[in-house]
Amino acid sequence: MELIINGTPRRVNSEADTPLLWVIRDELGLTGTKYGCGAAQCGACTVLVDGQPTRSCVTPVESVAGLPVTTIEAIGEDPVGRRVVEAWVAAQVPQCGYCQSGQVMAATALLKQTPRPTEEDIAAAMTNLCRCGTYNAIAAATRQAAQG
């Protein structure tokens, strides 16, 4: 089957029901997307599928065939994604950093859909878990990215 990963068509040989996460990591070698819980609860595996934040650990690869999939490796190529990454660095958001690729993907999706989010918008969109508890820094960096 053919996937469009970070703007590039890629042929994959995985079974149709293989979670997208494992195709991205194991077959394509893009390891920035992380495994966290395997139950779509934590968000460490978040990628953008056709611009929508998607938990790749429970998304069958066949369901994204032909759709654009963006991983953390290419988020800096998007102007909004680049602003989010710059804000993350400026605010020194990560502690351990494990969840941060998923957090950046979720924030990028939010700001692409809602360029000037309210506090409620940020709280509703940023549902990924952070074991280090950097939620205040995540919200601050999201606000900073929204301001440009």
Protein backbone atom coordinates (compact mmCIF):
# COMPACT_ATOMS: atom_id res chain seq x y z
CA MET A 1 0.00 0.00 0.00
CA GLU A 2 1.12 3.56 -0.56
CA LEU A 3 1.32 6.17 2.17
CA ILE A 4 2.16 9.85 1.87
CA ILE A 5 4.55 10.49 4.73
CA ASN A 6 5.88 14.02 5.18
CA GLY A 7 4.97 14.84 1.60
CA THR A 8 6.71 11.82 0.08
CA PRO A 9 4.87 8.78 -1.32
CA ARG A 10 6.16 5.65 0.42
CA ARG A 11 5.33 2.01 -0.32
CA VAL A 12 4.92 -0.14 2.78
CA ASN A 13 4.55 -3.87 3.13
CA SER A 14 2.79 -4.02 6.50
CA GLU A 15 -0.49 -5.81 7.08
CA ALA A 16 -3.52 -3.54 6.65
CA ASP A 17 -4.40 -3.63 10.36
CA THR A 18 -0.89 -2.82 11.59
CA PRO A 19 -0.95 0.34 13.72
CA LEU A 20 0.40 3.34 11.84
CA LEU A 21 2.86 3.97 14.68
CA TRP A 22 4.73 0.73 14.01
CA VAL A 23 4.83 1.36 10.27
CA ILE A 24 6.24 4.84 10.86
CA ARG A 25 8.82 3.68 13.40
CA ASP A 26 9.76 0.17 12.32
CA GLU A 27 9.24 0.10 8.58
CA LEU A 28 10.05 3.72 7.71
CA GLY A 29 12.59 4.39 10.46
CA LEU A 30 11.03 7.65 11.65
CA THR A 31 11.46 7.29 15.40
CA GLY A 32 10.41 10.76 16.58
CA THR A 33 6.84 9.53 17.05
CA LYS A 34 6.80 7.69 20.37
CA TYR A 35 4.97 4.71 21.81
CA GLY A 36 3.40 5.61 25.14
CA CYS A 37 0.37 3.59 26.13
CA GLY A 38 -0.88 1.74 23.04
CA ALA A 39 -4.47 2.68 23.91
CA ALA A 40 -4.78 6.19 22.41
CA GLN A 41 -4.82 7.73 25.87
CA CYS A 42 -1.47 9.49 26.29
CA GLY A 43 -0.87 11.10 22.89
CA ALA A 44 2.88 10.44 22.64
CA CYS A 45 2.15 8.84 19.26
CA THR A 46 0.26 11.82 17.81
CA VAL A 47 0.80 12.54 14.11
CA LEU A 48 -1.22 14.67 11.73
CA VAL A 49 -3.38 12.81 9.23
CA ASP A 50 -4.77 15.21 6.68
CA GLY A 51 -4.09 17.96 9.23
CA GLN A 52 -5.95 16.25 12.09
CA PRO A 53 -4.15 15.09 15.24
CA THR A 54 -4.33 11.31 15.20
CA ARG A 55 -3.22 8.72 17.75
CA SER A 56 -1.10 6.50 15.53
CA CYS A 57 -0.88 3.64 18.04
CA VAL A 58 -4.49 2.62 17.30
CA THR A 59 -4.85 3.82 13.71
CA PRO A 60 -4.72 0.96 11.19
CA VAL A 61 -2.29 1.80 8.43
CA GLU A 62 -4.90 0.98 5.77
CA SER A 63 -7.09 3.83 7.04
CA VAL A 64 -4.50 6.44 6.06
CA ALA A 65 -3.55 5.07 2.65
CA GLY A 66 -3.42 8.00 0.24
CA LEU A 67 -3.85 10.63 2.97
CA PRO A 68 -1.07 13.04 3.93
CA VAL A 69 0.59 11.99 7.19
CA THR A 70 2.93 14.44 8.92
CA THR A 71 5.32 13.29 11.63
CA ILE A 72 7.47 15.33 13.98
CA GLU A 73 10.41 14.90 11.61
CA ALA A 74 8.76 17.28 9.10
CA ILE A 75 6.80 19.62 11.37
CA GLY A 76 9.42 22.35 11.01
CA GLU A 77 8.70 22.53 7.29
CA ASP A 78 5.25 23.92 8.09
CA PRO A 79 5.30 27.62 9.11
CA VAL A 80 2.91 26.99 12.02
CA GLY A 81 4.84 23.91 13.09
CA ARG A 82 8.09 25.88 12.98
CA ARG A 83 6.55 28.59 15.22
CA VAL A 84 5.41 25.91 17.67
CA VAL A 85 8.87 24.33 17.84
CA GLU A 86 10.48 27.75 18.30
CA ALA A 87 8.03 28.55 21.12
CA TRP A 88 8.72 25.17 22.75
CA VAL A 89 12.46 25.89 22.71
CA ALA A 90 12.06 29.48 23.92
CA ALA A 91 9.79 28.39 26.79
CA GLN A 92 12.03 25.41 27.60
CA VAL A 93 8.95 23.21 27.76
CA PRO A 94 10.44 19.69 27.90
CA GLN A 95 11.75 18.06 31.01
CA CYS A 96 12.21 14.43 30.01
CA GLY A 97 10.91 15.25 26.51
CA TYR A 98 9.31 11.87 25.80
CA CYS A 99 5.83 13.21 25.12
CA GLN A 100 6.91 16.39 23.40
CA SER A 101 6.69 15.25 19.79
CA GLY A 102 3.02 14.43 20.35
CA GLN A 103 2.49 17.71 22.21
CA VAL A 104 4.03 19.70 19.35
CA MET A 105 1.84 17.89 16.82
CA ALA A 106 -1.31 18.61 18.86
CA ALA A 107 -0.40 22.28 19.28
CA THR A 108 0.35 22.63 15.58
CA ALA A 109 -3.01 21.11 14.65
CA LEU A 110 -4.78 23.45 17.07
CA LEU A 111 -3.09 26.57 15.72
CA LYS A 112 -3.69 25.60 12.11
CA GLN A 113 -7.41 25.21 12.88
CA THR A 114 -7.71 28.06 15.41
CA PRO A 115 -4.92 30.61 14.88
CA ARG A 116 -5.92 32.69 17.94
CA PRO A 117 -7.10 30.12 20.48
CA THR A 118 -8.68 30.98 23.79
CA GLU A 119 -7.52 29.38 27.02
CA GLU A 120 -10.50 27.03 26.68
CA ASP A 121 -9.47 26.10 23.13
CA ILE A 122 -5.95 25.28 24.34
CA ALA A 123 -7.24 23.22 27.27
CA ALA A 124 -9.64 21.30 25.01
CA ALA A 125 -7.04 20.57 22.32
CA MET A 126 -4.00 19.81 24.44
CA THR A 127 -5.14 16.53 25.94
CA ASN A 128 -1.87 14.63 25.62
CA LEU A 129 -0.40 13.44 28.90
CA CYS A 130 2.92 14.65 30.27
CA ARG A 131 4.43 12.56 33.05
CA CYS A 132 6.63 15.51 34.06
CA GLY A 133 3.62 17.79 34.45
CA THR A 134 4.79 20.58 32.13
CA TYR A 135 1.21 21.55 31.30
CA ASN A 136 1.64 25.22 32.25
CA ALA A 137 4.72 25.50 30.04
CA ILE A 138 2.91 23.67 27.21
CA ALA A 139 -0.02 26.11 27.41
CA ALA A 140 2.34 29.11 27.59
CA ALA A 141 4.31 27.93 24.56
CA THR A 142 1.08 27.33 22.65
CA ARG A 143 -0.04 30.89 23.46
CA GLN A 144 3.38 32.21 22.42
CA ALA A 145 3.24 30.34 19.10
CA ALA A 146 -0.24 31.74 18.46
CA GLN A 147 1.09 35.27 18.90
CA GLY A 148 3.66 34.58 16.19
